[in-house]
Structures are given as C-alpha cells and as structure tokens.
Amino acid sequence: MNTSAALKAHWGKLAPREQRMVLGATLLVVGALLWWLAIAPAVRTLRAAPAQHAALDVQLQQMLSLQAQAQALQNQPRLAYDDALRALELTIRQRLGTTARYSIAGERVTVTLTGATPEALAQWLAQARVNARALPAEARLKRTAAGQWDGTLVMTLPPR
C-alpha cells in the first residue's frame, strides 16, 4: 500500500467534524506559509520603498553635484607652475596658518601639519585643488586625541 492510498484510507476513517478540523488546520498552515514566504516580504518592500527612494534621490543629487564640480574643474584653464605655487602658498597661509610648514621640491610640495583642525584642513584641500590645481599625492596623517591632525601631505603642482 502506497502513502497516498494510506492517507485516503485514514481520511475516510475520520469523522466529518475531524475532516473539517484537519482541512482547517491545513489551510491555516498553508495560509501562514504563504504570508511568511510571499506576501510579508513584498509588503515590507512596499513600505520601505518611499524611504529608499528618498535616500536614493539624495544620493543622486550628491552625485550630480560632484559631477558638476568635476566638469567645472576639467574646464578650468591651465595654470602656470609659478601661479600655482603662489596660489598654494597663499592658501596655506590663509587656511592653515601656523599649523603648517611647507617645503618645495620641483613640482612636489610637502606640507607638514601640527595640530590642524579638521575644518581648516578640509577647506585648505578644497582651495588648493581649485585655486592652485594641486593634487594630493601622498598623505600620512594621524588624528590626535584633541581631534586635530598631525602629519605630512605631499601635493603635486601642474608641470612647468
């Protein structure tokens, strides 16, 4: 006797009330499985979609802003080495002041920082990139216990 025939024989022996209860329990288990495996994940996705959409919109705006900045930097006219060096020296004095010393070796400028604030360092890097067309080549920085930065940055200037 195979399993199917055994189940049919056992089903036939059950009273109609027991058959309804078994059928109801089976439907309940199938319904619960259907909910947990198919419907609930879809409902969660639908509920989370507006927040994800908003987050992706913010990300898109940031990416478009970065793209516009990159295109603006690409479209800037070339800067002579001497002009770039003067602009870099000026930004070091303006933004970093006494927290920075620098030395020049050809197209590379080594800036040594001692106790530079994060805000000043970020503003200086942005200004150095835009005004002097200087790019960071190396960075050896460490954050102090006071939340300031110590270390060296090597910047490259446009070629002569």
N, C-alpha and C. Protein backbone atom coordinates (compact mmCIF):
# COMPACT_ATOMS: atom_id res chain seq x y z
N MET A 1 0.85 -1.17 0.00
CA MET A 1 0.00 0.00 0.00
C MET A 1 0.90 1.23 0.00
N ASN A 2 0.66 2.12 -0.95
CA ASN A 2 1.50 3.31 -1.00
C ASN A 2 0.98 4.38 -0.06
N THR A 3 1.73 5.45 0.07
CA THR A 3 1.41 6.50 1.02
C THR A 3 0.09 7.19 0.69
N SER A 4 -0.15 7.45 -0.58
CA SER A 4 -1.37 8.13 -0.98
C SER A 4 -2.60 7.30 -0.61
N ALA A 5 -2.54 6.01 -0.86
CA ALA A 5 -3.68 5.14 -0.54
C ALA A 5 -3.88 5.07 0.97
N ALA A 6 -2.77 5.06 1.72
CA ALA A 6 -2.86 5.01 3.19
C ALA A 6 -3.50 6.28 3.72
N LEU A 7 -3.13 7.43 3.14
CA LEU A 7 -3.72 8.70 3.57
C LEU A 7 -5.21 8.74 3.26
N LYS A 8 -5.60 8.25 2.07
CA LYS A 8 -7.02 8.24 1.70
C LYS A 8 -7.82 7.33 2.62
N ALA A 9 -7.22 6.22 2.99
CA ALA A 9 -7.91 5.28 3.89
C ALA A 9 -8.07 5.91 5.27
N HIS A 10 -7.01 6.57 5.74
CA HIS A 10 -7.09 7.22 7.06
C HIS A 10 -8.09 8.37 7.03
N TRP A 11 -8.11 9.12 5.93
CA TRP A 11 -9.06 10.24 5.78
C TRP A 11 -10.49 9.74 5.81
N GLY A 12 -10.73 8.63 5.18
CA GLY A 12 -12.07 8.05 5.15
C GLY A 12 -12.55 7.59 6.51
N LYS A 13 -11.62 7.22 7.39
CA LYS A 13 -11.99 6.76 8.73
C LYS A 13 -12.32 7.92 9.66
N LEU A 14 -11.91 9.16 9.28
CA LEU A 14 -12.16 10.32 10.14
C LEU A 14 -13.63 10.74 10.05
N ALA A 15 -14.13 11.22 11.17
CA ALA A 15 -15.49 11.74 11.19
C ALA A 15 -15.53 13.05 10.42
N PRO A 16 -16.69 13.45 9.89
CA PRO A 16 -16.77 14.70 9.12
C PRO A 16 -16.27 15.92 9.90
N ARG A 17 -16.53 15.94 11.19
CA ARG A 17 -16.06 17.07 12.01
C ARG A 17 -14.53 17.08 12.05
N GLU A 18 -13.90 15.91 12.21
CA GLU A 18 -12.44 15.81 12.24
C GLU A 18 -11.85 16.18 10.88
N GLN A 19 -12.54 15.78 9.81
CA GLN A 19 -12.07 16.13 8.46
C GLN A 19 -12.06 17.65 8.28
N ARG A 20 -13.12 18.32 8.75
CA ARG A 20 -13.17 19.79 8.66
C ARG A 20 -12.05 20.43 9.48
N MET A 21 -11.80 19.88 10.67
CA MET A 21 -10.74 20.44 11.52
C MET A 21 -9.36 20.25 10.88
N VAL A 22 -9.10 19.07 10.33
CA VAL A 22 -7.82 18.82 9.65
C VAL A 22 -7.69 19.74 8.43
N LEU A 23 -8.78 19.85 7.66
CA LEU A 23 -8.77 20.73 6.49
C LEU A 23 -8.53 22.18 6.91
N GLY A 24 -9.19 22.62 8.00
CA GLY A 24 -8.99 23.99 8.50
C GLY A 24 -7.57 24.22 8.97
N ALA A 25 -7.00 23.25 9.69
CA ALA A 25 -5.61 23.37 10.16
C ALA A 25 -4.65 23.43 8.98
N THR A 26 -4.91 22.59 7.97
CA THR A 26 -4.06 22.59 6.77
C THR A 26 -4.14 23.94 6.06
N LEU A 27 -5.34 24.45 5.91
CA LEU A 27 -5.49 25.76 5.26
C LEU A 27 -4.79 26.86 6.07
N LEU A 28 -4.88 26.75 7.39
CA LEU A 28 -4.21 27.73 8.25
C LEU A 28 -2.69 27.67 8.07
N VAL A 29 -2.12 26.49 8.04
CA VAL A 29 -0.67 26.33 7.85
C VAL A 29 -0.26 26.82 6.47
N VAL A 30 -1.02 26.46 5.44
CA VAL A 30 -0.72 26.91 4.07
C VAL A 30 -0.83 28.44 3.98
N GLY A 31 -1.86 28.99 4.60
CA GLY A 31 -2.03 30.45 4.59
C GLY A 31 -0.88 31.16 5.30
N ALA A 32 -0.46 30.61 6.45
CA ALA A 32 0.67 31.21 7.19
C ALA A 32 1.95 31.14 6.36
N LEU A 33 2.21 30.00 5.76
CA LEU A 33 3.41 29.87 4.91
C LEU A 33 3.36 30.83 3.73
N LEU A 34 2.19 30.94 3.12
CA LEU A 34 2.03 31.88 2.01
C LEU A 34 2.32 33.30 2.47
N TRP A 35 1.82 33.66 3.65
CA TRP A 35 2.06 35.01 4.18
C TRP A 35 3.55 35.22 4.44
N TRP A 36 4.19 34.31 5.17
CA TRP A 36 5.58 34.50 5.56
C TRP A 36 6.54 34.44 4.38
N LEU A 37 6.23 33.62 3.40
CA LEU A 37 7.17 33.44 2.29
C LEU A 37 6.90 34.33 1.09
N ALA A 38 5.68 34.76 0.88
CA ALA A 38 5.37 35.52 -0.33
C ALA A 38 4.84 36.92 -0.06
N ILE A 39 3.88 37.04 0.80
CA ILE A 39 3.19 38.33 0.95
C ILE A 39 3.94 39.29 1.88
N ALA A 40 4.37 38.82 3.05
CA ALA A 40 5.02 39.70 4.03
C ALA A 40 6.28 40.37 3.47
N PRO A 41 7.17 39.65 2.78
CA PRO A 41 8.35 40.33 2.22
C PRO A 41 7.96 41.42 1.20
N ALA A 42 6.94 41.14 0.42
CA ALA A 42 6.50 42.14 -0.57
C ALA A 42 5.92 43.37 0.12
N VAL A 43 5.16 43.16 1.18
CA VAL A 43 4.59 44.28 1.93
C VAL A 43 5.70 45.11 2.57
N ARG A 44 6.70 44.43 3.16
CA ARG A 44 7.84 45.16 3.74
C ARG A 44 8.57 45.99 2.69
N THR A 45 8.75 45.42 1.52
CA THR A 45 9.41 46.14 0.43
C THR A 45 8.60 47.37 0.03
N LEU A 46 7.30 47.20 -0.09
CA LEU A 46 6.45 48.33 -0.45
C LEU A 46 6.48 49.43 0.61
N ARG A 47 6.51 49.04 1.89
CA ARG A 47 6.55 50.04 2.96
C ARG A 47 7.89 50.76 3.01
N ALA A 48 8.96 50.06 2.68
CA ALA A 48 10.30 50.67 2.74
C ALA A 48 10.63 51.47 1.48
N ALA A 49 9.88 51.27 0.42
CA ALA A 49 10.19 51.90 -0.87
C ALA A 49 10.25 53.42 -0.82
N PRO A 50 9.30 54.13 -0.19
CA PRO A 50 9.40 55.60 -0.19
C PRO A 50 10.67 56.12 0.49
N ALA A 51 11.05 55.50 1.60
CA ALA A 51 12.28 55.93 2.29
C ALA A 51 13.51 55.65 1.45
N GLN A 52 13.55 54.48 0.83
CA GLN A 52 14.67 54.15 -0.05
C GLN A 52 14.72 55.10 -1.24
N HIS A 53 13.57 55.42 -1.79
CA HIS A 53 13.50 56.33 -2.93
C HIS A 53 14.04 57.69 -2.55
N ALA A 54 13.66 58.18 -1.38
CA ALA A 54 14.15 59.48 -0.91
C ALA A 54 15.67 59.45 -0.70
N ALA A 55 16.17 58.37 -0.11
CA ALA A 55 17.61 58.25 0.10
C ALA A 55 18.36 58.20 -1.22
N LEU A 56 17.82 57.49 -2.18
CA LEU A 56 18.46 57.42 -3.49
C LEU A 56 18.40 58.77 -4.21
N ASP A 57 17.32 59.52 -4.02
CA ASP A 57 17.24 60.86 -4.60
C ASP A 57 18.32 61.76 -4.02
N VAL A 58 18.55 61.68 -2.72
CA VAL A 58 19.61 62.48 -2.08
C VAL A 58 20.97 62.07 -2.64
N GLN A 59 21.18 60.77 -2.77
CA GLN A 59 22.43 60.27 -3.33
C GLN A 59 22.62 60.75 -4.76
N LEU A 60 21.57 60.72 -5.54
CA LEU A 60 21.64 61.18 -6.93
C LEU A 60 22.01 62.66 -6.98
N GLN A 61 21.40 63.47 -6.13
CA GLN A 61 21.72 64.90 -6.11
C GLN A 61 23.19 65.13 -5.74
N GLN A 62 23.69 64.35 -4.79
CA GLN A 62 25.10 64.47 -4.41
C GLN A 62 26.01 64.09 -5.58
N MET A 63 25.65 63.02 -6.26
CA MET A 63 26.45 62.58 -7.41
C MET A 63 26.42 63.62 -8.54
N LEU A 64 25.26 64.20 -8.78
CA LEU A 64 25.17 65.23 -9.81
C LEU A 64 25.98 66.45 -9.43
N SER A 65 25.98 66.79 -8.15
CA SER A 65 26.77 67.91 -7.67
C SER A 65 28.26 67.63 -7.86
N LEU A 66 28.68 66.42 -7.51
CA LEU A 66 30.09 66.05 -7.70
C LEU A 66 30.46 66.04 -9.18
N GLN A 67 29.53 65.59 -10.02
CA GLN A 67 29.79 65.59 -11.45
C GLN A 67 29.97 67.02 -11.96
N ALA A 68 29.12 67.92 -11.50
CA ALA A 68 29.24 69.32 -11.92
C ALA A 68 30.56 69.92 -11.45
N GLN A 69 30.98 69.58 -10.23
CA GLN A 69 32.26 70.07 -9.73
C GLN A 69 33.41 69.53 -10.57
N ALA A 70 33.36 68.25 -10.89
CA ALA A 70 34.42 67.64 -11.70
C ALA A 70 34.48 68.27 -13.08
N GLN A 71 33.32 68.52 -13.68
CA GLN A 71 33.32 69.15 -15.00
C GLN A 71 33.84 70.58 -14.93
N ALA A 72 33.50 71.29 -13.86
CA ALA A 72 34.00 72.66 -13.70
C ALA A 72 35.51 72.65 -13.55
N LEU A 73 36.04 71.67 -12.81
CA LEU A 73 37.49 71.58 -12.65
C LEU A 73 38.17 71.23 -13.97
N GLN A 74 37.54 70.35 -14.75
CA GLN A 74 38.12 69.97 -16.04
C GLN A 74 38.12 71.14 -17.02
N ASN A 75 37.14 72.01 -16.90
CA ASN A 75 37.01 73.12 -17.85
C ASN A 75 37.84 74.34 -17.46
N GLN A 76 38.49 74.30 -16.31
CA GLN A 76 39.32 75.44 -15.91
C GLN A 76 40.53 75.54 -16.82
N PRO A 77 40.96 76.76 -17.09
CA PRO A 77 42.16 76.91 -17.92
C PRO A 77 43.39 76.41 -17.18
N ARG A 78 44.39 75.99 -17.94
CA ARG A 78 45.63 75.51 -17.34
C ARG A 78 46.29 76.65 -16.56
N LEU A 79 46.97 76.31 -15.50
CA LEU A 79 47.61 77.28 -14.63
C LEU A 79 49.11 77.07 -14.72
N ALA A 80 49.85 78.16 -14.87
CA ALA A 80 51.31 78.07 -14.93
C ALA A 80 51.84 77.63 -13.57
N TYR A 81 53.00 77.01 -13.57
CA TYR A 81 53.60 76.49 -12.35
C TYR A 81 53.78 77.59 -11.30
N ASP A 82 54.33 78.73 -11.70
CA ASP A 82 54.59 79.81 -10.75
C ASP A 82 53.28 80.33 -10.14
N ASP A 83 52.26 80.47 -10.96
CA ASP A 83 50.96 80.91 -10.44
C ASP A 83 50.37 79.89 -9.47
N ALA A 84 50.51 78.62 -9.81
CA ALA A 84 50.00 77.55 -8.94
C ALA A 84 50.75 77.55 -7.61
N LEU A 85 52.06 77.74 -7.65
CA LEU A 85 52.85 77.77 -6.42
C LEU A 85 52.45 78.94 -5.54
N ARG A 86 52.28 80.12 -6.15
CA ARG A 86 51.85 81.29 -5.37
C ARG A 86 50.47 81.06 -4.75
N ALA A 87 49.56 80.49 -5.52
CA ALA A 87 48.21 80.23 -5.01
C ALA A 87 48.26 79.22 -3.87
N LEU A 88 49.09 78.19 -3.99
CA LEU A 88 49.20 77.19 -2.94
C LEU A 88 49.79 77.80 -1.66
N GLU A 89 50.84 78.59 -1.81
CA GLU A 89 51.44 79.25 -0.64
C GLU A 89 50.41 80.15 0.05
N LEU A 90 49.64 80.88 -0.75
CA LEU A 90 48.63 81.77 -0.18
C LEU A 90 47.56 80.98 0.58
N THR A 91 47.11 79.87 0.01
CA THR A 91 46.08 79.07 0.70
C THR A 91 46.63 78.44 1.97
N ILE A 92 47.90 78.06 1.96
CA ILE A 92 48.50 77.51 3.18
C ILE A 92 48.50 78.57 4.28
N ARG A 93 48.94 79.78 3.93
CA ARG A 93 48.97 80.85 4.94
C ARG A 93 47.56 81.21 5.41
N GLN A 94 46.60 81.30 4.48
CA GLN A 94 45.24 81.70 4.85
C GLN A 94 44.50 80.64 5.66
N ARG A 95 44.55 79.41 5.23
CA ARG A 95 43.72 78.36 5.83
C ARG A 95 44.40 77.62 6.98
N LEU A 96 45.71 77.40 6.87
CA LEU A 96 46.39 76.59 7.88
C LEU A 96 47.22 77.42 8.85
N GLY A 97 47.65 78.58 8.41
CA GLY A 97 48.40 79.49 9.29
C GLY A 97 49.63 78.85 9.90
N THR A 98 49.74 78.95 11.21
CA THR A 98 50.94 78.47 11.91
C THR A 98 50.93 76.96 12.13
N THR A 99 49.85 76.30 11.79
CA THR A 99 49.80 74.85 11.99
C THR A 99 50.49 74.09 10.85
N ALA A 100 50.98 74.82 9.84
CA ALA A 100 51.59 74.16 8.69
C ALA A 100 52.92 74.78 8.33
N ARG A 101 53.85 73.91 7.93
CA ARG A 101 55.11 74.32 7.31
C ARG A 101 55.18 73.59 5.98
N TYR A 102 55.88 74.18 5.02
CA TYR A 102 55.94 73.51 3.71
C TYR A 102 57.33 73.66 3.13
N SER A 103 57.66 72.69 2.27
CA SER A 103 58.92 72.73 1.52
C SER A 103 58.61 72.35 0.08
N ILE A 104 59.37 72.97 -0.82
CA ILE A 104 59.11 72.81 -2.26
C ILE A 104 60.27 72.05 -2.88
N ALA A 105 59.94 71.01 -3.63
CA ALA A 105 60.95 70.24 -4.37
C ALA A 105 60.39 69.98 -5.77
N GLY A 106 60.69 70.88 -6.69
CA GLY A 106 60.19 70.74 -8.05
C GLY A 106 58.69 70.95 -8.09
N GLU A 107 57.98 69.94 -8.60
CA GLU A 107 56.53 70.04 -8.71
C GLU A 107 55.83 69.46 -7.49
N ARG A 108 56.60 69.07 -6.47
CA ARG A 108 56.03 68.49 -5.26
C ARG A 108 56.21 69.44 -4.08
N VAL A 109 55.15 69.64 -3.35
CA VAL A 109 55.19 70.49 -2.16
C VAL A 109 54.80 69.61 -0.98
N THR A 110 55.70 69.54 0.01
CA THR A 110 55.43 68.75 1.21
C THR A 110 54.94 69.69 2.30
N VAL A 111 53.76 69.44 2.80
CA VAL A 111 53.15 70.26 3.85
C VAL A 111 53.14 69.44 5.13
N THR A 112 53.78 69.98 6.16
CA THR A 112 53.82 69.30 7.45
C THR A 112 52.84 69.99 8.39
N LEU A 113 51.91 69.22 8.91
CA LEU A 113 50.84 69.76 9.76
C LEU A 113 51.11 69.42 11.23
N THR A 114 50.81 70.37 12.08
CA THR A 114 50.89 70.15 13.53
C THR A 114 49.66 70.78 14.16
N GLY A 115 48.72 69.95 14.55
CA GLY A 115 47.53 70.44 15.23
C GLY A 115 46.56 71.20 14.34
N ALA A 116 46.40 70.76 13.11
CA ALA A 116 45.46 71.41 12.19
C ALA A 116 44.05 70.92 12.49
N THR A 117 43.09 71.83 12.51
CA THR A 117 41.71 71.43 12.75
C THR A 117 41.14 70.76 11.49
N PRO A 118 40.21 69.85 11.68
CA PRO A 118 39.63 69.18 10.51
C PRO A 118 38.97 70.14 9.52
N GLU A 119 38.30 71.17 10.05
CA GLU A 119 37.63 72.13 9.17
C GLU A 119 38.64 72.89 8.32
N ALA A 120 39.72 73.35 8.97
CA ALA A 120 40.75 74.11 8.25
C ALA A 120 41.42 73.23 7.20
N LEU A 121 41.70 71.99 7.55
CA LEU A 121 42.34 71.07 6.60
C LEU A 121 41.43 70.80 5.40
N ALA A 122 40.15 70.57 5.66
CA ALA A 122 39.21 70.31 4.56
C ALA A 122 39.08 71.53 3.65
N GLN A 123 38.98 72.71 4.24
CA GLN A 123 38.87 73.93 3.43
C GLN A 123 40.14 74.17 2.64
N TRP A 124 41.28 73.92 3.26
CA TRP A 124 42.55 74.13 2.56
C TRP A 124 42.69 73.16 1.39
N LEU A 125 42.34 71.88 1.59
CA LEU A 125 42.43 70.91 0.50
C LEU A 125 41.54 71.31 -0.68
N ALA A 126 40.33 71.75 -0.38
CA ALA A 126 39.42 72.17 -1.45
C ALA A 126 39.97 73.39 -2.17
N GLN A 127 40.47 74.35 -1.41
CA GLN A 127 41.00 75.57 -2.02
C GLN A 127 42.28 75.28 -2.81
N ALA A 128 43.12 74.41 -2.30
CA ALA A 128 44.35 74.04 -3.01
C ALA A 128 44.02 73.37 -4.33
N ARG A 129 42.99 72.55 -4.34
CA ARG A 129 42.59 71.86 -5.57
C ARG A 129 42.05 72.84 -6.60
N VAL A 130 41.23 73.77 -6.15
CA VAL A 130 40.59 74.70 -7.09
C VAL A 130 41.53 75.82 -7.51
N ASN A 131 42.16 76.49 -6.54
CA ASN A 131 42.96 77.67 -6.84
C ASN A 131 44.34 77.35 -7.40
N ALA A 132 45.00 76.33 -6.85
CA ALA A 132 46.38 76.03 -7.26
C ALA A 132 46.46 74.81 -8.17
N ARG A 133 45.36 74.14 -8.41
CA ARG A 133 45.32 72.90 -9.20
C ARG A 133 46.29 71.87 -8.62
N ALA A 134 46.45 71.90 -7.29
CA ALA A 134 47.34 70.98 -6.60
C ALA A 134 46.57 69.72 -6.22
N LEU A 135 47.20 68.58 -6.46
CA LEU A 135 46.57 67.29 -6.15
C LEU A 135 47.37 66.58 -5.06
N PRO A 136 46.69 65.98 -4.10
CA PRO A 136 47.43 65.22 -3.09
C PRO A 136 48.03 63.96 -3.71
N ALA A 137 49.32 63.76 -3.48
CA ALA A 137 50.00 62.57 -3.99
C ALA A 137 50.22 61.57 -2.87
N GLU A 138 50.51 62.07 -1.67
CA GLU A 138 50.72 61.21 -0.51
C GLU A 138 50.12 61.90 0.70
N ALA A 139 49.67 61.09 1.63
CA ALA A 139 49.15 61.63 2.89
C ALA A 139 49.52 60.69 4.01
N ARG A 140 50.17 61.22 5.00
CA ARG A 140 50.48 60.46 6.21
C ARG A 140 49.99 61.30 7.38
N LEU A 141 48.74 61.13 7.71
CA LEU A 141 48.10 61.93 8.74
C LEU A 141 47.63 61.04 9.86
N LYS A 142 47.66 61.58 11.06
CA LYS A 142 47.04 60.87 12.18
C LYS A 142 46.30 61.87 13.03
N ARG A 143 45.22 61.42 13.58
CA ARG A 143 44.36 62.28 14.38
C ARG A 143 44.84 62.25 15.83
N THR A 144 44.97 63.41 16.42
CA THR A 144 45.41 63.49 17.80
C THR A 144 44.23 63.28 18.74
N ALA A 145 44.53 63.16 20.00
CA ALA A 145 43.47 62.98 21.00
C ALA A 145 42.54 64.19 21.04
N ALA A 146 43.05 65.36 20.68
CA ALA A 146 42.25 66.59 20.68
C ALA A 146 41.39 66.71 19.41
N GLY A 147 41.46 65.72 18.52
CA GLY A 147 40.66 65.76 17.30
C GLY A 147 41.29 66.58 16.19
N GLN A 148 42.57 66.88 16.31
CA GLN A 148 43.26 67.64 15.28
C GLN A 148 44.15 66.70 14.47
N TRP A 149 44.74 67.23 13.40
CA TRP A 149 45.54 66.40 12.50
C TRP A 149 47.01 66.79 12.57
N ASP A 150 47.86 65.77 12.64
CA ASP A 150 49.31 65.91 12.54
C ASP A 150 49.77 65.02 11.40
N GLY A 151 50.89 65.41 10.75
CA GLY A 151 51.45 64.56 9.71
C GLY A 151 51.89 65.36 8.51
N THR A 152 52.05 64.66 7.38
CA THR A 152 52.52 65.30 6.16
C THR A 152 51.60 64.98 4.99
N LEU A 153 51.52 65.97 4.11
CA LEU A 153 50.80 65.83 2.84
C LEU A 153 51.76 66.24 1.74
N VAL A 154 51.82 65.43 0.71
CA VAL A 154 52.63 65.79 -0.45
C VAL A 154 51.66 66.13 -1.58
N MET A 155 51.78 67.36 -2.06
CA MET A 155 50.91 67.84 -3.13
C MET A 155 51.72 67.99 -4.41
N THR A 156 51.10 67.67 -5.55
CA THR A 156 51.77 67.87 -6.83
C THR A 156 51.13 69.07 -7.52
N LEU A 157 51.98 69.89 -8.09
CA LEU A 157 51.53 71.08 -8.81
C LEU A 157 51.52 70.79 -10.31
N PRO A 158 50.89 71.65 -11.10
CA PRO A 158 50.93 71.46 -12.55
C PRO A 158 52.39 71.51 -13.03
N PRO A 159 52.70 70.79 -14.09
CA PRO A 159 54.08 70.77 -14.58
C PRO A 159 54.52 72.14 -15.09
N ARG A 160 55.82 72.36 -15.07
CA ARG A 160 56.39 73.64 -15.54
C ARG A 160 56.29 73.75 -17.03
